[in-house]
Amino acid sequence: MEPKDYTLVSIEGEYAYLREIGESDPEKDIYIALALLPPGVDVGDKLHYEMFAYTPVE
């Protein structure tokens, strides 16, 4: 999978919804376990996905 940037749009229990930056359709949000994201992430944070890892973007 190619590198992409996401915004964390919501957290529901132990799962998070990520939306690709530049995308406006909520139907295309990605549903992912919080355990796969960096510790301490919160709604509104930007994340970079590359090589099966998510890293925070400043």
PDB file of N, CA and C in Angstrom:
ATOM      1  N   MET A   1       0.846  -1.183   0.000  1.00  0.00           N
ATOM      2  CA  MET A   1       0.000   0.000   0.000  1.00  0.00           C
ATOM      3  C   MET A   1       0.885   1.238   0.000  1.00  0.00           C
ATOM      4  N   GLU A   2       0.496   2.222  -0.752  1.00  0.00           N
ATOM      5  CA  GLU A   2       1.281   3.455  -0.876  1.00  0.00           C
ATOM      6  C   GLU A   2       1.144   4.333   0.368  1.00  0.00           C
ATOM      7  N   PRO A   3       2.118   5.195   0.628  1.00  0.00           N
ATOM      8  CA  PRO A   3       2.030   6.114   1.774  1.00  0.00           C
ATOM      9  C   PRO A   3       0.834   7.053   1.624  1.00  0.00           C
ATOM     10  N   LYS A   4       0.160   7.306   2.760  1.00  0.00           N
ATOM     11  CA  LYS A   4      -0.995   8.211   2.767  1.00  0.00           C
ATOM     12  C   LYS A   4      -1.022   8.968   4.084  1.00  0.00           C
ATOM     13  N   ASP A   5      -1.703  10.116   4.065  1.00  0.00           N
ATOM     14  CA  ASP A   5      -1.892  10.902   5.277  1.00  0.00           C
ATOM     15  C   ASP A   5      -3.373  10.899   5.642  1.00  0.00           C
ATOM     16  N   TYR A   6      -3.633  10.771   6.948  1.00  0.00           N
ATOM     17  CA  TYR A   6      -4.995  10.670   7.454  1.00  0.00           C
ATOM     18  C   TYR A   6      -5.216  11.650   8.605  1.00  0.00           C
ATOM     19  N   THR A   7      -6.486  11.940   8.862  1.00  0.00           N
ATOM     20  CA  THR A   7      -6.905  12.662  10.056  1.00  0.00           C
ATOM     21  C   THR A   7      -7.750  11.710  10.879  1.00  0.00           C
ATOM     22  N   LEU A   8      -7.503  11.649  12.176  1.00  0.00           N
ATOM     23  CA  LEU A   8      -8.317  10.829  13.062  1.00  0.00           C
ATOM     24  C   LEU A   8      -9.617  11.595  13.302  1.00  0.00           C
ATOM     25  N   VAL A   9     -10.743  11.077  12.804  1.00  0.00           N
ATOM     26  CA  VAL A   9     -12.002  11.824  12.871  1.00  0.00           C
ATOM     27  C   VAL A   9     -12.880  11.431  14.046  1.00  0.00           C
ATOM     28  N   SER A  10     -12.754  10.194  14.553  1.00  0.00           N
ATOM     29  CA  SER A  10     -13.525   9.821  15.741  1.00  0.00           C
ATOM     30  C   SER A  10     -12.945   8.564  16.368  1.00  0.00           C
ATOM     31  N   ILE A  11     -13.244   8.411  17.661  1.00  0.00           N
ATOM     32  CA  ILE A  11     -12.836   7.227  18.415  1.00  0.00           C
ATOM     33  C   ILE A  11     -14.095   6.636  19.027  1.00  0.00           C
ATOM     34  N   GLU A  12     -14.294   5.338  18.808  1.00  0.00           N
ATOM     35  CA  GLU A  12     -15.442   4.630  19.366  1.00  0.00           C
ATOM     36  C   GLU A  12     -14.937   3.385  20.077  1.00  0.00           C
ATOM     37  N   GLY A  13     -14.848   3.476  21.395  1.00  0.00           N
ATOM     38  CA  GLY A  13     -14.325   2.354  22.171  1.00  0.00           C
ATOM     39  C   GLY A  13     -12.855   2.144  21.872  1.00  0.00           C
ATOM     40  N   GLU A  14     -12.523   0.956  21.404  1.00  0.00           N
ATOM     41  CA  GLU A  14     -11.136   0.611  21.091  1.00  0.00           C
ATOM     42  C   GLU A  14     -10.811   0.758  19.609  1.00  0.00           C
ATOM     43  N   TYR A  15     -11.662   1.463  18.884  1.00  0.00           N
ATOM     44  CA  TYR A  15     -11.474   1.624  17.442  1.00  0.00           C
ATOM     45  C   TYR A  15     -11.504   3.092  17.057  1.00  0.00           C
ATOM     46  N   ALA A  16     -10.863   3.412  15.927  1.00  0.00           N
ATOM     47  CA  ALA A  16     -10.805   4.793  15.446  1.00  0.00           C
ATOM     48  C   ALA A  16     -11.205   4.828  13.978  1.00  0.00           C
ATOM     49  N   TYR A  17     -11.749   5.960  13.578  1.00  0.00           N
ATOM     50  CA  TYR A  17     -12.053   6.215  12.168  1.00  0.00           C
ATOM     51  C   TYR A  17     -11.029   7.204  11.646  1.00  0.00           C
ATOM     52  N   LEU A  18     -10.378   6.829  10.538  1.00  0.00           N
ATOM     53  CA  LEU A  18      -9.399   7.696   9.895  1.00  0.00           C
ATOM     54  C   LEU A  18      -9.946   8.116   8.540  1.00  0.00           C
ATOM     55  N   ARG A  19      -9.728   9.385   8.190  1.00  0.00           N
ATOM     56  CA  ARG A  19     -10.154   9.907   6.894  1.00  0.00           C
ATOM     57  C   ARG A  19      -8.925  10.425   6.166  1.00  0.00           C
ATOM     58  N   GLU A  20      -8.766   9.992   4.930  1.00  0.00           N
ATOM     59  CA  GLU A  20      -7.642  10.455   4.127  1.00  0.00           C
ATOM     60  C   GLU A  20      -7.732  11.971   3.966  1.00  0.00           C
ATOM     61  N   ILE A  21      -6.606  12.650   4.126  1.00  0.00           N
ATOM     62  CA  ILE A  21      -6.575  14.109   3.992  1.00  0.00           C
ATOM     63  C   ILE A  21      -6.955  14.463   2.561  1.00  0.00           C
ATOM     64  N   GLY A  22      -7.886  15.398   2.430  1.00  0.00           N
ATOM     65  CA  GLY A  22      -8.382  15.797   1.132  1.00  0.00           C
ATOM     66  C   GLY A  22      -9.680  15.107   0.750  1.00  0.00           C
ATOM     67  N   GLU A  23     -10.054  14.071   1.497  1.00  0.00           N
ATOM     68  CA  GLU A  23     -11.295  13.334   1.237  1.00  0.00           C
ATOM     69  C   GLU A  23     -12.411  13.924   2.104  1.00  0.00           C
ATOM     70  N   SER A  24     -13.595  14.067   1.543  1.00  0.00           N
ATOM     71  CA  SER A  24     -14.702  14.635   2.323  1.00  0.00           C
ATOM     72  C   SER A  24     -15.835  13.638   2.548  1.00  0.00           C
ATOM     73  N   ASP A  25     -15.788  12.484   1.893  1.00  0.00           N
ATOM     74  CA  ASP A  25     -16.856  11.490   2.002  1.00  0.00           C
ATOM     75  C   ASP A  25     -16.641  10.582   3.212  1.00  0.00           C
ATOM     76  N   PRO A  26     -17.506  10.677   4.240  1.00  0.00           N
ATOM     77  CA  PRO A  26     -17.361   9.812   5.420  1.00  0.00           C
ATOM     78  C   PRO A  26     -17.511   8.326   5.106  1.00  0.00           C
ATOM     79  N   GLU A  27     -18.118   7.991   3.980  1.00  0.00           N
ATOM     80  CA  GLU A  27     -18.267   6.585   3.590  1.00  0.00           C
ATOM     81  C   GLU A  27     -16.913   5.933   3.306  1.00  0.00           C
ATOM     82  N   LYS A  28     -15.896   6.719   3.053  1.00  0.00           N
ATOM     83  CA  LYS A  28     -14.568   6.191   2.721  1.00  0.00           C
ATOM     84  C   LYS A  28     -13.631   6.167   3.930  1.00  0.00           C
ATOM     85  N   ASP A  29     -14.159   6.465   5.134  1.00  0.00           N
ATOM     86  CA  ASP A  29     -13.340   6.422   6.344  1.00  0.00           C
ATOM     87  C   ASP A  29     -12.834   4.998   6.587  1.00  0.00           C
ATOM     88  N   ILE A  30     -11.662   4.905   7.185  1.00  0.00           N
ATOM     89  CA  ILE A  30     -11.053   3.621   7.525  1.00  0.00           C
ATOM     90  C   ILE A  30     -11.309   3.355   9.012  1.00  0.00           C
ATOM     91  N   TYR A  31     -11.752   2.160   9.336  1.00  0.00           N
ATOM     92  CA  TYR A  31     -12.033   1.718  10.702  1.00  0.00           C
ATOM     93  C   TYR A  31     -10.847   0.877  11.155  1.00  0.00           C
ATOM     94  N   ILE A  32     -10.151   1.299  12.224  1.00  0.00           N
ATOM     95  CA  ILE A  32      -8.917   0.615  12.622  1.00  0.00           C
ATOM     96  C   ILE A  32      -8.813   0.545  14.144  1.00  0.00           C
ATOM     97  N   ALA A  33      -8.186  -0.503  14.649  1.00  0.00           N
ATOM     98  CA  ALA A  33      -7.997  -0.676  16.083  1.00  0.00           C
ATOM     99  C   ALA A  33      -7.023   0.381  16.607  1.00  0.00           C
ATOM    100  N   LEU A  34      -7.355   0.983  17.754  1.00  0.00           N
ATOM    101  CA  LEU A  34      -6.479   1.987  18.374  1.00  0.00           C
ATOM    102  C   LEU A  34      -5.099   1.414  18.684  1.00  0.00           C
ATOM    103  N   ALA A  35      -5.025   0.122  18.944  1.00  0.00           N
ATOM    104  CA  ALA A  35      -3.741  -0.507  19.274  1.00  0.00           C
ATOM    105  C   ALA A  35      -2.737  -0.395  18.130  1.00  0.00           C
ATOM    106  N   LEU A  36      -3.204  -0.164  16.906  1.00  0.00           N
ATOM    107  CA  LEU A  36      -2.307  -0.032  15.752  1.00  0.00           C
ATOM    108  C   LEU A  36      -1.812   1.394  15.549  1.00  0.00           C
ATOM    109  N   LEU A  37      -2.363   2.324  16.337  1.00  0.00           N
ATOM    110  CA  LEU A  37      -1.983   3.732  16.222  1.00  0.00           C
ATOM    111  C   LEU A  37      -0.998   4.108  17.320  1.00  0.00           C
ATOM    112  N   PRO A  38      -0.250   5.199  17.147  1.00  0.00           N
ATOM    113  CA  PRO A  38       0.704   5.619  18.178  1.00  0.00           C
ATOM    114  C   PRO A  38      -0.023   5.960  19.489  1.00  0.00           C
ATOM    115  N   PRO A  39       0.622   5.712  20.625  1.00  0.00           N
ATOM    116  CA  PRO A  39       0.009   6.036  21.916  1.00  0.00           C
ATOM    117  C   PRO A  39      -0.293   7.534  22.028  1.00  0.00           C
ATOM    118  N   GLY A  40      -1.419   7.844  22.641  1.00  0.00           N
ATOM    119  CA  GLY A  40      -1.762   9.234  22.921  1.00  0.00           C
ATOM    120  C   GLY A  40      -2.433   9.978  21.788  1.00  0.00           C
ATOM    121  N   VAL A  41      -2.769   9.296  20.685  1.00  0.00           N
ATOM    122  CA  VAL A  41      -3.452  10.002  19.599  1.00  0.00           C
ATOM    123  C   VAL A  41      -4.856  10.388  20.027  1.00  0.00           C
ATOM    124  N   ASP A  42      -5.370  11.471  19.433  1.00  0.00           N
ATOM    125  CA  ASP A  42      -6.695  11.953  19.784  1.00  0.00           C
ATOM    126  C   ASP A  42      -7.385  12.478  18.524  1.00  0.00           C
ATOM    127  N   VAL A  43      -8.670  12.708  18.638  1.00  0.00           N
ATOM    128  CA  VAL A  43      -9.455  13.209  17.508  1.00  0.00           C
ATOM    129  C   VAL A  43      -8.833  14.505  16.988  1.00  0.00           C
ATOM    130  N   GLY A  44      -8.694  14.598  15.681  1.00  0.00           N
ATOM    131  CA  GLY A  44      -8.104  15.772  15.048  1.00  0.00           C
ATOM    132  C   GLY A  44      -6.636  15.611  14.707  1.00  0.00           C
ATOM    133  N   ASP A  45      -5.986  14.604  15.295  1.00  0.00           N
ATOM    134  CA  ASP A  45      -4.561  14.385  15.005  1.00  0.00           C
ATOM    135  C   ASP A  45      -4.373  13.912  13.570  1.00  0.00           C
ATOM    136  N   LYS A  46      -3.249  14.288  12.993  1.00  0.00           N
ATOM    137  CA  LYS A  46      -2.889  13.872  11.634  1.00  0.00           C
ATOM    138  C   LYS A  46      -1.874  12.743  11.739  1.00  0.00           C
ATOM    139  N   LEU A  47      -2.044  11.727  10.891  1.00  0.00           N
ATOM    140  CA  LEU A  47      -1.175  10.552  10.906  1.00  0.00           C
ATOM    141  C   LEU A  47      -0.681  10.249   9.501  1.00  0.00           C
ATOM    142  N   HIS A  48       0.558   9.784   9.425  1.00  0.00           N
ATOM    143  CA  HIS A  48       1.146   9.367   8.152  1.00  0.00           C
ATOM    144  C   HIS A  48       1.252   7.849   8.182  1.00  0.00           C
ATOM    145  N   TYR A  49       0.747   7.202   7.122  1.00  0.00           N
ATOM    146  CA  TYR A  49       0.811   5.745   7.011  1.00  0.00           C
ATOM    147  C   TYR A  49       1.840   5.361   5.960  1.00  0.00           C
ATOM    148  N   GLU A  50       2.781   4.528   6.368  1.00  0.00           N
ATOM    149  CA  GLU A  50       3.785   4.024   5.438  1.00  0.00           C
ATOM    150  C   GLU A  50       4.403   2.766   6.013  1.00  0.00           C
ATOM    151  N   MET A  51       4.596   1.756   5.175  1.00  0.00           N
ATOM    152  CA  MET A  51       5.221   0.494   5.586  1.00  0.00           C
ATOM    153  C   MET A  51       4.527  -0.123   6.797  1.00  0.00           C
ATOM    154  N   PHE A  52       3.201  -0.162   6.771  1.00  0.00           N
ATOM    155  CA  PHE A  52       2.366  -0.780   7.800  1.00  0.00           C
ATOM    156  C   PHE A  52       2.483  -0.121   9.168  1.00  0.00           C
ATOM    157  N   ALA A  53       2.853   1.151   9.204  1.00  0.00           N
ATOM    158  CA  ALA A  53       2.974   1.874  10.468  1.00  0.00           C
ATOM    159  C   ALA A  53       2.368   3.282  10.334  1.00  0.00           C
ATOM    160  N   TYR A  54       1.751   3.732  11.412  1.00  0.00           N
ATOM    161  CA  TYR A  54       1.190   5.087  11.488  1.00  0.00           C
ATOM    162  C   TYR A  54       2.084   5.926  12.374  1.00  0.00           C
ATOM    163  N   THR A  55       2.448   7.112  11.906  1.00  0.00           N
ATOM    164  CA  THR A  55       3.262   8.024  12.708  1.00  0.00           C
ATOM    165  C   THR A  55       2.581   9.390  12.744  1.00  0.00           C
ATOM    166  N   PRO A  56       2.695  10.088  13.875  1.00  0.00           N
ATOM    167  CA  PRO A  56       2.078  11.417  13.984  1.00  0.00           C
ATOM    168  C   PRO A  56       2.742  12.418  13.037  1.00  0.00           C
ATOM    169  N   VAL A  57       1.946  13.346  12.532  1.00  0.00           N
ATOM    170  CA  VAL A  57       2.429  14.398  11.661  1.00  0.00           C
ATOM    171  C   VAL A  57       2.249  15.718  12.402  1.00  0.00           C
ATOM    172  N   GLU A  58       3.282  16.512  12.439  1.00  0.00           N
ATOM    173  CA  GLU A  58       3.220  17.810  13.126  1.00  0.00           C
ATOM    174  C   GLU A  58       2.571  18.837  12.249  1.00  0.00           C
TER     175      GLU A  58
END
